[in-house]
Amino acid sequence: MLKDFNIYDFPILSLPPEKRLISTINAYSYNLTKKDPYFKEALLHSDVLIPDGVGIVWAVKRLIGKKIKKIAGADLFFYEMRRLEKIGGKCFFLGSTEETLSKIRKRARKEFPNVTLNTFSPPFSSGFSEEENLEILEKINTFKPDVLFVGMTAPKQEKWTYTHFNSLEVGHVCSIGAVFDFYAGTIRRAPRWMINVGLEWLYRFVKEPRRMWKRYLLGNLIFIMGVLKEKLIKQKFHE
């Protein structure tokens, strides 16, 4: 299932500062790749593909025999912000509503005063027109951020960053989805103890059961069954 994906298994501190396309993969996004070939292509061609989910960590151990560590999108975000704080760098937030971005700016200016930041809330649609894409690229490239954070939910954000990566004059390009809402405080993240024991998904499900049941109950079941099926096939092959 996962052998084609080059999943990152190094400490997050090992990320080079040069231009990189950084995406995340979890059980939900893996399931999406089965129906969306271009999304799969975007993940396959990411320079860094972070294991953002206990399901991926579990699957890699079962199928590949490698022990890796989960790196959440929030972990990536705070690593980047602390790095930029030390060097007096710049970051750009692309996505979400102006209200959410305003809250991000307010909090970031207090917690990371040495970071210069800019934001843009693009039109809320399934895709952008050529004129809208040119406007977005111009705003980002004029600012020339060390890090571009993109929060437009999967698979839209990954496909957009992959499509326009070569046109972006940036350092790291990070698709981090829900982190925008977590950091703005519009959605509460799970308590630390739930995160530590791999139950962050359960917290999000309990908070929004009507919106999340397909993703976490049905989606996780499909993912687990796929892993177990492949594990069984491998065992029979080696018998």
C-alpha atoms as a PDB file:
ATOM      1  CA  MET A   1       0.000   0.000   0.000  1.00  0.00           C
ATOM      2  CA  LEU A   2       2.634   2.531   1.043  1.00  0.00           C
ATOM      3  CA  LYS A   3       5.774   1.328  -0.733  1.00  0.00           C
ATOM      4  CA  ASP A   4       5.450   3.974  -3.464  1.00  0.00           C
ATOM      5  CA  PHE A   5       5.309   6.831  -0.962  1.00  0.00           C
ATOM      6  CA  ASN A   6       8.632   8.181   0.319  1.00  0.00           C
ATOM      7  CA  ILE A   7       7.475   8.810   3.874  1.00  0.00           C
ATOM      8  CA  TYR A   8       9.800  11.003   5.920  1.00  0.00           C
ATOM      9  CA  ASP A   9      11.441   9.120   8.792  1.00  0.00           C
ATOM     10  CA  PHE A  10      14.013  11.605  10.077  1.00  0.00           C
ATOM     11  CA  PRO A  11      13.810  14.138  12.937  1.00  0.00           C
ATOM     12  CA  ILE A  12      11.995  17.271  11.881  1.00  0.00           C
ATOM     13  CA  LEU A  13      15.127  19.259  12.747  1.00  0.00           C
ATOM     14  CA  SER A  14      16.823  17.576   9.774  1.00  0.00           C
ATOM     15  CA  LEU A  15      14.764  19.513   7.227  1.00  0.00           C
ATOM     16  CA  PRO A  16      17.059  21.545   4.957  1.00  0.00           C
ATOM     17  CA  PRO A  17      16.235  25.267   4.627  1.00  0.00           C
ATOM     18  CA  GLU A  18      16.269  25.214   0.814  1.00  0.00           C
ATOM     19  CA  LYS A  19      13.089  25.225  -1.277  1.00  0.00           C
ATOM     20  CA  ARG A  20      11.045  22.122  -0.529  1.00  0.00           C
ATOM     21  CA  LEU A  21       7.496  20.932  -1.169  1.00  0.00           C
ATOM     22  CA  ILE A  22       6.325  19.523   2.164  1.00  0.00           C
ATOM     23  CA  SER A  23       3.086  17.550   2.432  1.00  0.00           C
ATOM     24  CA  THR A  24       1.499  15.279   5.008  1.00  0.00           C
ATOM     25  CA  ILE A  25      -0.057  11.833   4.712  1.00  0.00           C
ATOM     26  CA  ASN A  26      -2.540  10.104   6.999  1.00  0.00           C
ATOM     27  CA  ALA A  27      -5.147   7.381   6.624  1.00  0.00           C
ATOM     28  CA  TYR A  28      -7.701   9.857   5.271  1.00  0.00           C
ATOM     29  CA  SER A  29      -5.414  11.320   2.616  1.00  0.00           C
ATOM     30  CA  TYR A  30      -4.161   7.864   1.627  1.00  0.00           C
ATOM     31  CA  ASN A  31      -7.769   6.784   1.038  1.00  0.00           C
ATOM     32  CA  LEU A  32      -8.284   9.877  -1.113  1.00  0.00           C
ATOM     33  CA  THR A  33      -5.359   8.923  -3.343  1.00  0.00           C
ATOM     34  CA  LYS A  34      -7.232   5.780  -4.375  1.00  0.00           C
ATOM     35  CA  LYS A  35      -9.894   7.954  -6.028  1.00  0.00           C
ATOM     36  CA  ASP A  36      -7.845  10.995  -7.037  1.00  0.00           C
ATOM     37  CA  PRO A  37      -4.796  10.187  -9.231  1.00  0.00           C
ATOM     38  CA  TYR A  38      -3.590  13.790  -9.350  1.00  0.00           C
ATOM     39  CA  PHE A  39      -3.662  14.038  -5.568  1.00  0.00           C
ATOM     40  CA  LYS A  40      -1.606  10.844  -5.411  1.00  0.00           C
ATOM     41  CA  GLU A  41       0.848  12.338  -7.896  1.00  0.00           C
ATOM     42  CA  ALA A  42       1.154  15.445  -5.722  1.00  0.00           C
ATOM     43  CA  LEU A  43       2.024  13.377  -2.652  1.00  0.00           C
ATOM     44  CA  LEU A  44       4.399  11.103  -4.564  1.00  0.00           C
ATOM     45  CA  HIS A  45       6.321  14.117  -5.876  1.00  0.00           C
ATOM     46  CA  SER A  46       6.532  15.973  -2.563  1.00  0.00           C
ATOM     47  CA  ASP A  47      10.119  16.517  -1.432  1.00  0.00           C
ATOM     48  CA  VAL A  48       9.091  15.705   2.129  1.00  0.00           C
ATOM     49  CA  LEU A  49       6.045  13.581   3.009  1.00  0.00           C
ATOM     50  CA  ILE A  50       5.388  13.743   6.732  1.00  0.00           C
ATOM     51  CA  PRO A  51       3.543  10.905   8.564  1.00  0.00           C
ATOM     52  CA  ASP A  52       0.720  12.940  10.109  1.00  0.00           C
ATOM     53  CA  GLY A  53      -1.285  10.162  11.706  1.00  0.00           C
ATOM     54  CA  VAL A  54      -0.947   7.117  13.964  1.00  0.00           C
ATOM     55  CA  GLY A  55      -2.552   5.025  11.222  1.00  0.00           C
ATOM     56  CA  ILE A  56       0.364   5.678   8.871  1.00  0.00           C
ATOM     57  CA  VAL A  57       2.907   4.962  11.607  1.00  0.00           C
ATOM     58  CA  TRP A  58       1.127   1.676  12.393  1.00  0.00           C
ATOM     59  CA  ALA A  59       0.829   0.703   8.727  1.00  0.00           C
ATOM     60  CA  VAL A  60       4.504   1.377   7.955  1.00  0.00           C
ATOM     61  CA  LYS A  61       5.532  -0.815  10.873  1.00  0.00           C
ATOM     62  CA  ARG A  62       3.189  -3.655   9.833  1.00  0.00           C
ATOM     63  CA  LEU A  63       3.854  -3.580   6.101  1.00  0.00           C
ATOM     64  CA  ILE A  64       7.427  -2.352   5.778  1.00  0.00           C
ATOM     65  CA  GLY A  65       8.831  -3.290   9.171  1.00  0.00           C
ATOM     66  CA  LYS A  66      10.111   0.199   9.852  1.00  0.00           C
ATOM     67  CA  LYS A  67       9.452   2.126  13.043  1.00  0.00           C
ATOM     68  CA  ILE A  68       8.794   5.792  12.352  1.00  0.00           C
ATOM     69  CA  LYS A  69       7.520   8.664  14.466  1.00  0.00           C
ATOM     70  CA  LYS A  70       4.350  10.630  13.839  1.00  0.00           C
ATOM     71  CA  ILE A  71       4.914  14.272  12.915  1.00  0.00           C
ATOM     72  CA  ALA A  72       1.695  16.251  13.033  1.00  0.00           C
ATOM     73  CA  GLY A  73       1.038  19.258  10.855  1.00  0.00           C
ATOM     74  CA  ALA A  74       1.078  21.309  14.053  1.00  0.00           C
ATOM     75  CA  ASP A  75       4.558  19.978  14.878  1.00  0.00           C
ATOM     76  CA  LEU A  76       5.759  21.128  11.477  1.00  0.00           C
ATOM     77  CA  PHE A  77       4.126  24.526  11.942  1.00  0.00           C
ATOM     78  CA  PHE A  78       5.719  25.264  15.327  1.00  0.00           C
ATOM     79  CA  TYR A  79       9.099  23.991  14.156  1.00  0.00           C
ATOM     80  CA  GLU A  80       8.990  26.389  11.215  1.00  0.00           C
ATOM     81  CA  MET A  81       7.827  29.337  13.307  1.00  0.00           C
ATOM     82  CA  ARG A  82      10.560  28.795  15.917  1.00  0.00           C
ATOM     83  CA  ARG A  83      13.138  28.509  13.147  1.00  0.00           C
ATOM     84  CA  LEU A  84      11.933  31.742  11.565  1.00  0.00           C
ATOM     85  CA  GLU A  85      11.926  33.465  14.955  1.00  0.00           C
ATOM     86  CA  LYS A  86      15.633  32.686  15.350  1.00  0.00           C
ATOM     87  CA  ILE A  87      16.632  33.962  11.921  1.00  0.00           C
ATOM     88  CA  GLY A  88      14.133  36.824  11.647  1.00  0.00           C
ATOM     89  CA  GLY A  89      12.456  35.130   8.702  1.00  0.00           C
ATOM     90  CA  LYS A  90       9.211  35.627   6.820  1.00  0.00           C
ATOM     91  CA  CYS A  91       6.123  33.454   6.432  1.00  0.00           C
ATOM     92  CA  PHE A  92       2.955  33.693   4.366  1.00  0.00           C
ATOM     93  CA  PHE A  93      -0.411  32.148   5.289  1.00  0.00           C
ATOM     94  CA  LEU A  94      -2.578  31.233   2.295  1.00  0.00           C
ATOM     95  CA  GLY A  95      -6.099  29.993   2.936  1.00  0.00           C
ATOM     96  CA  SER A  96      -9.028  30.154   5.359  1.00  0.00           C
ATOM     97  CA  THR A  97     -11.164  33.219   6.101  1.00  0.00           C
ATOM     98  CA  GLU A  98      -9.998  36.731   6.825  1.00  0.00           C
ATOM     99  CA  GLU A  99     -11.405  36.370  10.353  1.00  0.00           C
ATOM    100  CA  THR A 100      -9.236  33.304  10.995  1.00  0.00           C
ATOM    101  CA  LEU A 101      -6.189  34.933   9.422  1.00  0.00           C
ATOM    102  CA  SER A 102      -6.679  37.997  11.610  1.00  0.00           C
ATOM    103  CA  LYS A 103      -6.554  35.801  14.708  1.00  0.00           C
ATOM    104  CA  ILE A 104      -3.433  34.073  13.389  1.00  0.00           C
ATOM    105  CA  ARG A 105      -1.703  37.414  12.818  1.00  0.00           C
ATOM    106  CA  LYS A 106      -2.620  38.631  16.285  1.00  0.00           C
ATOM    107  CA  ARG A 107      -1.331  35.518  18.053  1.00  0.00           C
ATOM    108  CA  ALA A 108       1.784  35.110  15.914  1.00  0.00           C
ATOM    109  CA  ARG A 109       2.890  38.698  16.484  1.00  0.00           C
ATOM    110  CA  LYS A 110       2.857  38.075  20.235  1.00  0.00           C
ATOM    111  CA  GLU A 111       4.502  34.648  20.200  1.00  0.00           C
ATOM    112  CA  PHE A 112       6.933  35.199  17.313  1.00  0.00           C
ATOM    113  CA  PRO A 113       7.710  38.942  17.213  1.00  0.00           C
ATOM    114  CA  ASN A 114      10.799  38.493  15.020  1.00  0.00           C
ATOM    115  CA  VAL A 115       8.814  36.800  12.251  1.00  0.00           C
ATOM    116  CA  THR A 116       7.464  39.012   9.477  1.00  0.00           C
ATOM    117  CA  LEU A 117       4.193  37.590   8.231  1.00  0.00           C
ATOM    118  CA  ASN A 118       1.660  38.167   5.511  1.00  0.00           C
ATOM    119  CA  THR A 119      -1.683  36.532   4.747  1.00  0.00           C
ATOM    120  CA  PHE A 120      -4.221  36.111   1.982  1.00  0.00           C
ATOM    121  CA  SER A 121      -7.711  34.642   2.010  1.00  0.00           C
ATOM    122  CA  PRO A 122      -8.419  33.276  -1.489  1.00  0.00           C
ATOM    123  CA  PRO A 123     -11.910  32.861  -2.950  1.00  0.00           C
ATOM    124  CA  PHE A 124     -13.838  29.957  -1.444  1.00  0.00           C
ATOM    125  CA  SER A 125     -14.290  27.598  -4.382  1.00  0.00           C
ATOM    126  CA  SER A 126     -13.296  24.144  -5.571  1.00  0.00           C
ATOM    127  CA  GLY A 127     -10.749  25.697  -7.915  1.00  0.00           C
ATOM    128  CA  PHE A 128      -9.328  29.063  -8.908  1.00  0.00           C
ATOM    129  CA  SER A 129      -9.461  30.819 -12.237  1.00  0.00           C
ATOM    130  CA  GLU A 130      -6.254  31.670 -14.094  1.00  0.00           C
ATOM    131  CA  GLU A 131      -6.604  35.290 -12.980  1.00  0.00           C
ATOM    132  CA  GLU A 132      -7.067  34.266  -9.347  1.00  0.00           C
ATOM    133  CA  ASN A 133      -4.025  31.998  -9.465  1.00  0.00           C
ATOM    134  CA  LEU A 134      -1.918  34.790 -10.946  1.00  0.00           C
ATOM    135  CA  GLU A 135      -3.072  37.145  -8.185  1.00  0.00           C
ATOM    136  CA  ILE A 136      -2.200  34.593  -5.487  1.00  0.00           C
ATOM    137  CA  LEU A 137       1.238  33.917  -6.976  1.00  0.00           C
ATOM    138  CA  GLU A 138       1.968  37.629  -7.304  1.00  0.00           C
ATOM    139  CA  LYS A 139       1.118  38.299  -3.653  1.00  0.00           C
ATOM    140  CA  ILE A 140       3.324  35.434  -2.467  1.00  0.00           C
ATOM    141  CA  ASN A 141       6.254  36.122  -4.779  1.00  0.00           C
ATOM    142  CA  THR A 142       6.267  39.835  -4.032  1.00  0.00           C
ATOM    143  CA  PHE A 143       6.607  38.971  -0.340  1.00  0.00           C
ATOM    144  CA  LYS A 144       9.177  36.155  -0.954  1.00  0.00           C
ATOM    145  CA  PRO A 145       8.546  34.202   2.268  1.00  0.00           C
ATOM    146  CA  ASP A 146      10.943  31.690   3.778  1.00  0.00           C
ATOM    147  CA  VAL A 147       7.895  29.536   4.517  1.00  0.00           C
ATOM    148  CA  LEU A 148       4.518  29.381   2.791  1.00  0.00           C
ATOM    149  CA  PHE A 149       1.765  27.796   4.893  1.00  0.00           C
ATOM    150  CA  VAL A 150      -1.214  26.616   2.843  1.00  0.00           C
ATOM    151  CA  GLY A 151      -4.476  25.752   4.575  1.00  0.00           C
ATOM    152  CA  MET A 152      -7.188  24.909   2.071  1.00  0.00           C
ATOM    153  CA  THR A 153      -7.905  21.289   3.200  1.00  0.00           C
ATOM    154  CA  ALA A 154      -6.864  18.117   1.389  1.00  0.00           C
ATOM    155  CA  PRO A 155      -6.693  17.417  -1.476  1.00  0.00           C
ATOM    156  CA  LYS A 156      -7.095  20.970  -2.770  1.00  0.00           C
ATOM    157  CA  GLN A 157      -4.084  22.409  -0.956  1.00  0.00           C
ATOM    158  CA  GLU A 158      -1.671  19.649  -2.027  1.00  0.00           C
ATOM    159  CA  LYS A 159      -2.789  19.787  -5.645  1.00  0.00           C
ATOM    160  CA  TRP A 160      -2.467  23.584  -5.720  1.00  0.00           C
ATOM    161  CA  THR A 161       1.028  23.618  -4.215  1.00  0.00           C
ATOM    162  CA  TYR A 162       2.180  20.811  -6.534  1.00  0.00           C
ATOM    163  CA  THR A 163       0.774  22.534  -9.615  1.00  0.00           C
ATOM    164  CA  HIS A 164       2.333  25.916  -8.828  1.00  0.00           C
ATOM    165  CA  PHE A 165       5.471  24.884  -6.945  1.00  0.00           C
ATOM    166  CA  ASN A 166       7.897  25.847  -9.711  1.00  0.00           C
ATOM    167  CA  SER A 167       6.277  29.287  -9.982  1.00  0.00           C
ATOM    168  CA  LEU A 168       6.656  30.037  -6.277  1.00  0.00           C
ATOM    169  CA  GLU A 169       9.590  32.141  -5.054  1.00  0.00           C
ATOM    170  CA  VAL A 170       9.674  30.691  -1.557  1.00  0.00           C
ATOM    171  CA  GLY A 171      11.573  28.398   0.791  1.00  0.00           C
ATOM    172  CA  HIS A 172       9.423  25.687   2.338  1.00  0.00           C
ATOM    173  CA  VAL A 173       5.886  25.149   1.042  1.00  0.00           C
ATOM    174  CA  CYS A 174       3.851  23.457   3.793  1.00  0.00           C
ATOM    175  CA  SER A 175       0.304  22.135   3.344  1.00  0.00           C
ATOM    176  CA  ILE A 176      -1.001  22.019   6.901  1.00  0.00           C
ATOM    177  CA  GLY A 177      -4.798  22.211   6.624  1.00  0.00           C
ATOM    178  CA  ALA A 178      -6.505  22.284  10.012  1.00  0.00           C
ATOM    179  CA  VAL A 179      -3.517  23.921  11.731  1.00  0.00           C
ATOM    180  CA  PHE A 180      -4.831  27.316  10.656  1.00  0.00           C
ATOM    181  CA  ASP A 181      -7.957  26.791  12.774  1.00  0.00           C
ATOM    182  CA  PHE A 182      -6.027  25.209  15.660  1.00  0.00           C
ATOM    183  CA  TYR A 183      -3.620  28.121  15.880  1.00  0.00           C
ATOM    184  CA  ALA A 184      -6.347  30.738  15.450  1.00  0.00           C
ATOM    185  CA  GLY A 185      -8.376  29.057  18.199  1.00  0.00           C
ATOM    186  CA  THR A 186     -11.471  28.620  16.029  1.00  0.00           C
ATOM    187  CA  ILE A 187     -11.179  24.850  16.535  1.00  0.00           C
ATOM    188  CA  ARG A 188      -9.764  23.396  19.740  1.00  0.00           C
ATOM    189  CA  ARG A 189      -7.044  20.783  19.380  1.00  0.00           C
ATOM    190  CA  ALA A 190      -7.102  17.603  21.474  1.00  0.00           C
ATOM    191  CA  PRO A 191      -5.533  17.636  24.957  1.00  0.00           C
ATOM    192  CA  ARG A 192      -1.852  16.708  25.038  1.00  0.00           C
ATOM    193  CA  TRP A 193      -2.482  13.345  26.703  1.00  0.00           C
ATOM    194  CA  MET A 194      -4.817  12.291  23.863  1.00  0.00           C
ATOM    195  CA  ILE A 195      -2.259  13.390  21.289  1.00  0.00           C
ATOM    196  CA  ASN A 196       0.478  11.449  23.075  1.00  0.00           C
ATOM    197  CA  VAL A 197      -1.503   8.175  23.076  1.00  0.00           C
ATOM    198  CA  GLY A 198      -2.654   8.527  19.462  1.00  0.00           C
ATOM    199  CA  LEU A 199      -6.258   9.517  20.109  1.00  0.00           C
ATOM    200  CA  GLU A 200      -6.341  12.963  18.542  1.00  0.00           C
ATOM    201  CA  TRP A 201      -8.613  11.579  15.822  1.00  0.00           C
ATOM    202  CA  LEU A 202     -11.124  10.445  18.478  1.00  0.00           C
ATOM    203  CA  TYR A 203     -11.227  13.914  19.994  1.00  0.00           C
ATOM    204  CA  ARG A 204     -11.989  15.484  16.617  1.00  0.00           C
ATOM    205  CA  PHE A 205     -14.664  12.859  15.943  1.00  0.00           C
ATOM    206  CA  VAL A 206     -16.391  13.463  19.287  1.00  0.00           C
ATOM    207  CA  LYS A 207     -16.326  17.215  18.682  1.00  0.00           C
ATOM    208  CA  GLU A 208     -17.781  16.977  15.158  1.00  0.00           C
ATOM    209  CA  PRO A 209     -19.372  13.517  14.742  1.00  0.00           C
ATOM    210  CA  ARG A 210     -21.686  14.438  11.845  1.00  0.00           C
ATOM    211  CA  ARG A 211     -18.833  15.890   9.790  1.00  0.00           C
ATOM    212  CA  MET A 212     -16.103  13.446  10.787  1.00  0.00           C
ATOM    213  CA  TRP A 213     -17.774  10.038  10.987  1.00  0.00           C
ATOM    214  CA  LYS A 214     -17.001   9.103   7.375  1.00  0.00           C
ATOM    215  CA  ARG A 215     -13.407  10.230   7.709  1.00  0.00           C
ATOM    216  CA  TYR A 216     -12.599   8.565  11.013  1.00  0.00           C
ATOM    217  CA  LEU A 217     -14.990   5.650  11.438  1.00  0.00           C
ATOM    218  CA  LEU A 218     -15.572   4.476   7.888  1.00  0.00           C
ATOM    219  CA  GLY A 219     -12.269   5.773   6.519  1.00  0.00           C
ATOM    220  CA  ASN A 220     -10.123   4.310   9.288  1.00  0.00           C
ATOM    221  CA  LEU A 221     -11.891   0.957   8.953  1.00  0.00           C
ATOM    222  CA  ILE A 222     -11.231   0.882   5.202  1.00  0.00           C
ATOM    223  CA  PHE A 223      -7.588   1.768   5.790  1.00  0.00           C
ATOM    224  CA  ILE A 224      -7.091  -0.855   8.520  1.00  0.00           C
ATOM    225  CA  MET A 225      -8.754  -3.560   6.441  1.00  0.00           C
ATOM    226  CA  GLY A 226      -6.487  -2.681   3.526  1.00  0.00           C
ATOM    227  CA  VAL A 227      -3.379  -2.991   5.690  1.00  0.00           C
ATOM    228  CA  LEU A 228      -4.483  -6.309   7.181  1.00  0.00           C
ATOM    229  CA  LYS A 229      -5.370  -7.685   3.742  1.00  0.00           C
ATOM    230  CA  GLU A 230      -1.963  -6.785   2.331  1.00  0.00           C
ATOM    231  CA  LYS A 231      -0.225  -8.189   5.404  1.00  0.00           C
ATOM    232  CA  LEU A 232      -2.090 -11.482   4.926  1.00  0.00           C
ATOM    233  CA  ILE A 233      -1.171 -11.620   1.230  1.00  0.00           C
ATOM    234  CA  LYS A 234       2.496 -11.063   2.085  1.00  0.00           C
ATOM    235  CA  GLN A 235       2.436 -13.818   4.683  1.00  0.00           C
ATOM    236  CA  LYS A 236       0.896 -16.291   2.224  1.00  0.00           C
ATOM    237  CA  PHE A 237       3.426 -15.297  -0.442  1.00  0.00           C
ATOM    238  CA  HIS A 238       6.341 -16.082   1.882  1.00  0.00           C
ATOM    239  CA  GLU A 239       4.924 -19.420   3.049  1.00  0.00           C
END
